Amino acid sequence: MTQYLLSVYMVEGSEPPSPEAIEKMYRDVDSLNESLKAEGAWVFGGGLHEATTATVLRAQDGEVLTTDGPFVEAKEHLGGFWVITAPDLDVALAWAAKATVACGAPVEVRPFQDEPEA
């Protein structure tokens, strides 16, 4: 089985959801998480605080520089993620389709690189 990263992207400047919509999103995501676990696809997942809470470390000229805020200026930032196992990309995409509906945000799917054989 391959592991896939399902990345949730939050769009900057979009109108924040109502408290009721947030409660529904949490219920829907919890339900999706339970389905992933029941099907044996769950590895790990979690939501993240806003991109403004990020700290970026960068090695440069023999030093490590630390800056506040997201690494890039962008209109979309990583808002949460799942790591799942799936037999193929089609199954991972089916989970991602459920994820985008549950969390109400775009979801990107990317496979992890294979581990090198020893």
N, C-alpha and C. Protein backbone atom coordinates (compact mmCIF):
# COMPACT_ATOMS: atom_id res chain seq x y z
N MET A 1 0.84 -1.19 0.00
CA MET A 1 0.00 0.00 0.00
C MET A 1 0.88 1.24 0.00
N THR A 2 0.44 2.23 -0.69
CA THR A 2 1.14 3.51 -0.76
C THR A 2 0.53 4.47 0.24
N GLN A 3 1.38 5.31 0.83
CA GLN A 3 0.86 6.37 1.68
C GLN A 3 0.68 7.62 0.83
N TYR A 4 -0.39 8.36 1.10
CA TYR A 4 -0.71 9.59 0.39
C TYR A 4 -0.90 10.71 1.39
N LEU A 5 -0.47 11.91 1.01
CA LEU A 5 -0.73 13.11 1.79
C LEU A 5 -1.92 13.82 1.16
N LEU A 6 -2.97 14.02 1.94
CA LEU A 6 -4.12 14.80 1.51
C LEU A 6 -4.01 16.14 2.22
N SER A 7 -3.62 17.17 1.48
CA SER A 7 -3.38 18.50 2.05
C SER A 7 -4.59 19.38 1.85
N VAL A 8 -5.02 20.02 2.92
CA VAL A 8 -6.17 20.93 2.88
C VAL A 8 -5.64 22.35 2.76
N TYR A 9 -6.11 23.10 1.78
CA TYR A 9 -5.64 24.47 1.57
C TYR A 9 -6.72 25.46 1.93
N MET A 10 -6.35 26.41 2.78
CA MET A 10 -7.25 27.47 3.18
C MET A 10 -6.98 28.68 2.28
N VAL A 11 -8.02 29.28 1.77
CA VAL A 11 -7.90 30.39 0.83
C VAL A 11 -7.96 31.69 1.61
N GLU A 12 -6.85 32.47 1.54
CA GLU A 12 -6.80 33.76 2.23
C GLU A 12 -7.82 34.72 1.65
N GLY A 13 -8.40 35.53 2.51
CA GLY A 13 -9.33 36.56 2.04
C GLY A 13 -10.74 36.06 1.83
N SER A 14 -10.95 34.74 1.94
CA SER A 14 -12.32 34.25 1.78
C SER A 14 -13.08 34.55 3.07
N GLU A 15 -14.37 34.69 2.94
CA GLU A 15 -15.19 35.02 4.09
C GLU A 15 -15.18 33.86 5.07
N PRO A 16 -14.94 34.14 6.36
CA PRO A 16 -14.91 33.05 7.33
C PRO A 16 -16.28 32.40 7.45
N PRO A 17 -16.30 31.08 7.65
CA PRO A 17 -17.59 30.40 7.79
C PRO A 17 -18.29 30.78 9.09
N SER A 18 -19.58 30.63 9.08
CA SER A 18 -20.38 30.92 10.28
C SER A 18 -20.07 29.87 11.35
N PRO A 19 -20.38 30.18 12.61
CA PRO A 19 -20.18 29.18 13.67
C PRO A 19 -20.92 27.87 13.39
N GLU A 20 -22.10 27.97 12.81
CA GLU A 20 -22.87 26.77 12.47
C GLU A 20 -22.15 25.95 11.39
N ALA A 21 -21.59 26.64 10.39
CA ALA A 21 -20.87 25.96 9.32
C ALA A 21 -19.60 25.30 9.87
N ILE A 22 -18.94 25.95 10.81
CA ILE A 22 -17.74 25.37 11.41
C ILE A 22 -18.10 24.11 12.20
N GLU A 23 -19.19 24.17 12.96
CA GLU A 23 -19.63 22.99 13.72
C GLU A 23 -19.93 21.83 12.78
N LYS A 24 -20.60 22.12 11.66
CA LYS A 24 -20.92 21.07 10.67
C LYS A 24 -19.63 20.50 10.09
N MET A 25 -18.68 21.38 9.76
CA MET A 25 -17.41 20.93 9.20
C MET A 25 -16.70 19.99 10.18
N TYR A 26 -16.66 20.37 11.46
CA TYR A 26 -16.02 19.51 12.46
C TYR A 26 -16.71 18.15 12.55
N ARG A 27 -18.03 18.14 12.52
CA ARG A 27 -18.76 16.87 12.56
C ARG A 27 -18.45 16.03 11.33
N ASP A 28 -18.45 16.68 10.16
CA ASP A 28 -18.20 15.96 8.91
C ASP A 28 -16.77 15.41 8.86
N VAL A 29 -15.81 16.20 9.32
CA VAL A 29 -14.42 15.73 9.33
C VAL A 29 -14.26 14.59 10.34
N ASP A 30 -14.89 14.70 11.50
CA ASP A 30 -14.84 13.61 12.48
C ASP A 30 -15.41 12.33 11.88
N SER A 31 -16.51 12.45 11.15
CA SER A 31 -17.13 11.30 10.51
C SER A 31 -16.20 10.69 9.46
N LEU A 32 -15.56 11.55 8.67
CA LEU A 32 -14.60 11.07 7.67
C LEU A 32 -13.45 10.35 8.36
N ASN A 33 -12.93 10.93 9.44
CA ASN A 33 -11.83 10.31 10.17
C ASN A 33 -12.23 8.92 10.67
N GLU A 34 -13.44 8.78 11.18
CA GLU A 34 -13.92 7.48 11.65
C GLU A 34 -14.01 6.49 10.48
N SER A 35 -14.45 6.96 9.31
CA SER A 35 -14.52 6.08 8.13
C SER A 35 -13.13 5.64 7.70
N LEU A 36 -12.18 6.58 7.68
CA LEU A 36 -10.80 6.24 7.33
C LEU A 36 -10.25 5.17 8.28
N LYS A 37 -10.52 5.33 9.58
CA LYS A 37 -10.04 4.36 10.57
C LYS A 37 -10.72 3.01 10.38
N ALA A 38 -12.03 3.01 10.16
CA ALA A 38 -12.77 1.76 9.98
C ALA A 38 -12.30 0.99 8.76
N GLU A 39 -11.89 1.70 7.72
CA GLU A 39 -11.43 1.06 6.49
C GLU A 39 -9.94 0.73 6.51
N GLY A 40 -9.25 1.10 7.59
CA GLY A 40 -7.81 0.81 7.69
C GLY A 40 -6.94 1.73 6.87
N ALA A 41 -7.48 2.87 6.44
CA ALA A 41 -6.72 3.81 5.61
C ALA A 41 -6.06 4.91 6.43
N TRP A 42 -6.50 5.10 7.66
CA TRP A 42 -6.01 6.18 8.53
C TRP A 42 -4.56 5.91 8.95
N VAL A 43 -3.69 6.92 8.80
CA VAL A 43 -2.36 6.89 9.38
C VAL A 43 -2.25 8.02 10.40
N PHE A 44 -2.54 9.24 9.95
CA PHE A 44 -2.43 10.40 10.83
C PHE A 44 -3.12 11.57 10.16
N GLY A 45 -3.58 12.52 10.94
CA GLY A 45 -4.18 13.73 10.37
C GLY A 45 -4.29 14.80 11.42
N GLY A 46 -4.50 16.03 10.96
CA GLY A 46 -4.68 17.12 11.90
C GLY A 46 -4.91 18.44 11.21
N GLY A 47 -5.52 19.35 11.94
CA GLY A 47 -5.72 20.71 11.46
C GLY A 47 -4.62 21.61 11.99
N LEU A 48 -4.36 22.69 11.29
CA LEU A 48 -3.31 23.61 11.68
C LEU A 48 -3.89 24.98 11.99
N HIS A 49 -3.19 25.73 12.83
CA HIS A 49 -3.56 27.13 13.07
C HIS A 49 -3.26 27.94 11.81
N GLU A 50 -3.69 29.19 11.78
CA GLU A 50 -3.50 30.07 10.63
C GLU A 50 -2.01 30.15 10.24
N ALA A 51 -1.76 30.44 8.97
CA ALA A 51 -0.39 30.54 8.46
C ALA A 51 0.40 31.64 9.17
N THR A 52 -0.28 32.63 9.70
CA THR A 52 0.42 33.71 10.39
C THR A 52 1.12 33.23 11.66
N THR A 53 0.76 32.04 12.16
CA THR A 53 1.41 31.50 13.36
C THR A 53 2.68 30.72 13.03
N ALA A 54 2.99 30.58 11.75
CA ALA A 54 4.14 29.78 11.32
C ALA A 54 5.47 30.46 11.67
N THR A 55 6.48 29.64 11.89
CA THR A 55 7.85 30.09 12.02
C THR A 55 8.67 29.30 11.01
N VAL A 56 9.48 29.98 10.22
CA VAL A 56 10.27 29.34 9.18
C VAL A 56 11.74 29.40 9.55
N LEU A 57 12.41 28.26 9.47
CA LEU A 57 13.86 28.19 9.70
C LEU A 57 14.53 27.87 8.37
N ARG A 58 15.62 28.57 8.10
CA ARG A 58 16.30 28.44 6.81
C ARG A 58 17.81 28.44 7.05
N ALA A 59 18.51 27.44 6.53
CA ALA A 59 19.97 27.42 6.59
C ALA A 59 20.51 28.30 5.47
N GLN A 60 21.33 29.28 5.85
CA GLN A 60 21.88 30.20 4.87
C GLN A 60 23.25 30.69 5.33
N ASP A 61 24.24 30.53 4.48
CA ASP A 61 25.60 30.99 4.77
C ASP A 61 26.11 30.47 6.11
N GLY A 62 25.87 29.21 6.41
CA GLY A 62 26.37 28.61 7.63
C GLY A 62 25.60 28.96 8.88
N GLU A 63 24.51 29.70 8.75
CA GLU A 63 23.68 30.06 9.90
C GLU A 63 22.26 29.58 9.67
N VAL A 64 21.51 29.49 10.74
CA VAL A 64 20.09 29.18 10.64
C VAL A 64 19.32 30.45 10.97
N LEU A 65 18.57 30.92 9.97
CA LEU A 65 17.77 32.13 10.14
C LEU A 65 16.34 31.73 10.50
N THR A 66 15.74 32.47 11.40
CA THR A 66 14.37 32.21 11.83
C THR A 66 13.53 33.44 11.52
N THR A 67 12.40 33.22 10.85
CA THR A 67 11.49 34.32 10.54
C THR A 67 10.07 33.92 10.92
N ASP A 68 9.28 34.90 11.30
CA ASP A 68 7.88 34.66 11.62
C ASP A 68 7.04 34.71 10.35
N GLY A 69 5.97 33.95 10.37
CA GLY A 69 5.04 33.98 9.25
C GLY A 69 5.32 32.88 8.25
N PRO A 70 4.45 32.74 7.28
CA PRO A 70 4.59 31.65 6.31
C PRO A 70 5.81 31.83 5.42
N PHE A 71 6.27 30.72 4.86
CA PHE A 71 7.45 30.71 3.99
C PHE A 71 7.23 31.53 2.73
N VAL A 72 6.07 31.44 2.14
CA VAL A 72 5.80 32.12 0.88
C VAL A 72 4.61 33.06 1.02
N GLU A 73 4.61 34.08 0.19
CA GLU A 73 3.43 34.94 0.07
C GLU A 73 2.50 34.23 -0.89
N ALA A 74 1.36 33.84 -0.41
CA ALA A 74 0.43 33.09 -1.25
C ALA A 74 -1.00 33.38 -0.81
N LYS A 75 -1.93 33.06 -1.69
CA LYS A 75 -3.34 33.24 -1.35
C LYS A 75 -3.91 31.99 -0.70
N GLU A 76 -3.17 30.89 -0.78
CA GLU A 76 -3.59 29.65 -0.15
C GLU A 76 -2.46 29.15 0.74
N HIS A 77 -2.83 28.63 1.90
CA HIS A 77 -1.86 28.08 2.84
C HIS A 77 -2.38 26.75 3.36
N LEU A 78 -1.46 25.89 3.75
CA LEU A 78 -1.81 24.61 4.30
C LEU A 78 -2.61 24.81 5.58
N GLY A 79 -3.79 24.22 5.63
CA GLY A 79 -4.66 24.39 6.79
C GLY A 79 -4.82 23.11 7.61
N GLY A 80 -4.47 21.99 7.02
CA GLY A 80 -4.59 20.71 7.69
C GLY A 80 -4.21 19.61 6.72
N PHE A 81 -4.23 18.37 7.20
CA PHE A 81 -3.80 17.28 6.33
C PHE A 81 -4.25 15.93 6.89
N TRP A 82 -4.23 14.95 6.04
CA TRP A 82 -4.35 13.55 6.42
C TRP A 82 -3.19 12.83 5.76
N VAL A 83 -2.67 11.82 6.42
CA VAL A 83 -1.80 10.84 5.80
C VAL A 83 -2.60 9.55 5.81
N ILE A 84 -2.80 8.98 4.62
CA ILE A 84 -3.60 7.77 4.51
C ILE A 84 -2.81 6.70 3.76
N THR A 85 -3.27 5.47 3.84
CA THR A 85 -2.75 4.41 2.99
C THR A 85 -3.86 4.03 2.02
N ALA A 86 -3.47 3.76 0.79
CA ALA A 86 -4.44 3.36 -0.23
C ALA A 86 -3.74 2.46 -1.24
N PRO A 87 -4.46 1.53 -1.83
CA PRO A 87 -3.84 0.62 -2.79
C PRO A 87 -3.42 1.30 -4.09
N ASP A 88 -4.08 2.43 -4.41
CA ASP A 88 -3.72 3.14 -5.64
C ASP A 88 -4.25 4.58 -5.58
N LEU A 89 -3.86 5.36 -6.59
CA LEU A 89 -4.25 6.77 -6.63
C LEU A 89 -5.76 6.96 -6.71
N ASP A 90 -6.45 6.09 -7.43
CA ASP A 90 -7.90 6.24 -7.54
C ASP A 90 -8.59 6.16 -6.18
N VAL A 91 -8.14 5.26 -5.34
CA VAL A 91 -8.72 5.14 -4.00
C VAL A 91 -8.37 6.38 -3.17
N ALA A 92 -7.13 6.86 -3.28
CA ALA A 92 -6.73 8.07 -2.56
C ALA A 92 -7.57 9.26 -3.02
N LEU A 93 -7.84 9.36 -4.32
CA LEU A 93 -8.66 10.45 -4.84
C LEU A 93 -10.10 10.35 -4.35
N ALA A 94 -10.60 9.14 -4.19
CA ALA A 94 -11.96 8.96 -3.66
C ALA A 94 -12.03 9.46 -2.22
N TRP A 95 -10.99 9.17 -1.40
CA TRP A 95 -10.96 9.70 -0.04
C TRP A 95 -10.84 11.22 -0.06
N ALA A 96 -10.03 11.75 -0.96
CA ALA A 96 -9.87 13.21 -1.05
C ALA A 96 -11.17 13.89 -1.46
N ALA A 97 -11.96 13.24 -2.30
CA ALA A 97 -13.26 13.80 -2.69
C ALA A 97 -14.16 13.93 -1.45
N LYS A 98 -14.13 12.92 -0.61
CA LYS A 98 -14.90 12.99 0.63
C LYS A 98 -14.33 14.06 1.56
N ALA A 99 -13.01 14.19 1.57
CA ALA A 99 -12.35 15.16 2.45
C ALA A 99 -12.69 16.60 2.05
N THR A 100 -12.68 16.90 0.75
CA THR A 100 -12.98 18.27 0.32
C THR A 100 -14.42 18.65 0.65
N VAL A 101 -15.33 17.68 0.57
CA VAL A 101 -16.72 17.95 0.94
C VAL A 101 -16.82 18.16 2.45
N ALA A 102 -16.12 17.32 3.22
CA ALA A 102 -16.20 17.39 4.68
C ALA A 102 -15.64 18.70 5.23
N CYS A 103 -14.50 19.13 4.69
CA CYS A 103 -13.85 20.31 5.28
C CYS A 103 -14.16 21.59 4.52
N GLY A 104 -14.78 21.50 3.35
CA GLY A 104 -15.18 22.69 2.60
C GLY A 104 -14.01 23.49 2.06
N ALA A 105 -12.90 22.82 1.77
CA ALA A 105 -11.71 23.50 1.25
C ALA A 105 -11.04 22.60 0.21
N PRO A 106 -10.22 23.19 -0.66
CA PRO A 106 -9.51 22.36 -1.64
C PRO A 106 -8.58 21.36 -0.96
N VAL A 107 -8.45 20.18 -1.57
CA VAL A 107 -7.58 19.13 -1.04
C VAL A 107 -6.68 18.65 -2.17
N GLU A 108 -5.37 18.67 -1.92
CA GLU A 108 -4.37 18.17 -2.88
C GLU A 108 -3.95 16.77 -2.44
N VAL A 109 -3.75 15.89 -3.40
CA VAL A 109 -3.33 14.51 -3.13
C VAL A 109 -1.94 14.29 -3.72
N ARG A 110 -1.02 13.80 -2.87
CA ARG A 110 0.33 13.49 -3.34
C ARG A 110 0.82 12.20 -2.69
N PRO A 111 1.39 11.29 -3.50
CA PRO A 111 1.94 10.07 -2.92
C PRO A 111 3.29 10.35 -2.26
N PHE A 112 3.57 9.60 -1.20
CA PHE A 112 4.90 9.65 -0.60
C PHE A 112 5.87 8.90 -1.50
N GLN A 113 7.13 9.29 -1.47
CA GLN A 113 8.16 8.57 -2.19
C GLN A 113 8.35 7.19 -1.56
N ASP A 114 8.69 6.22 -2.39
CA ASP A 114 8.97 4.88 -1.86
C ASP A 114 10.24 4.92 -1.06
N GLU A 115 10.30 4.09 -0.01
CA GLU A 115 11.52 3.96 0.77
C GLU A 115 12.55 3.21 -0.07
N PRO A 116 13.81 3.66 -0.06
CA PRO A 116 14.83 2.91 -0.80
C PRO A 116 15.02 1.53 -0.17
N GLU A 117 15.23 0.53 -1.03
CA GLU A 117 15.44 -0.82 -0.51
C GLU A 117 16.83 -0.92 0.07
N ALA A 118 16.94 -1.63 1.20
CA ALA A 118 18.23 -1.76 1.88
C ALA A 118 19.07 -2.86 1.28
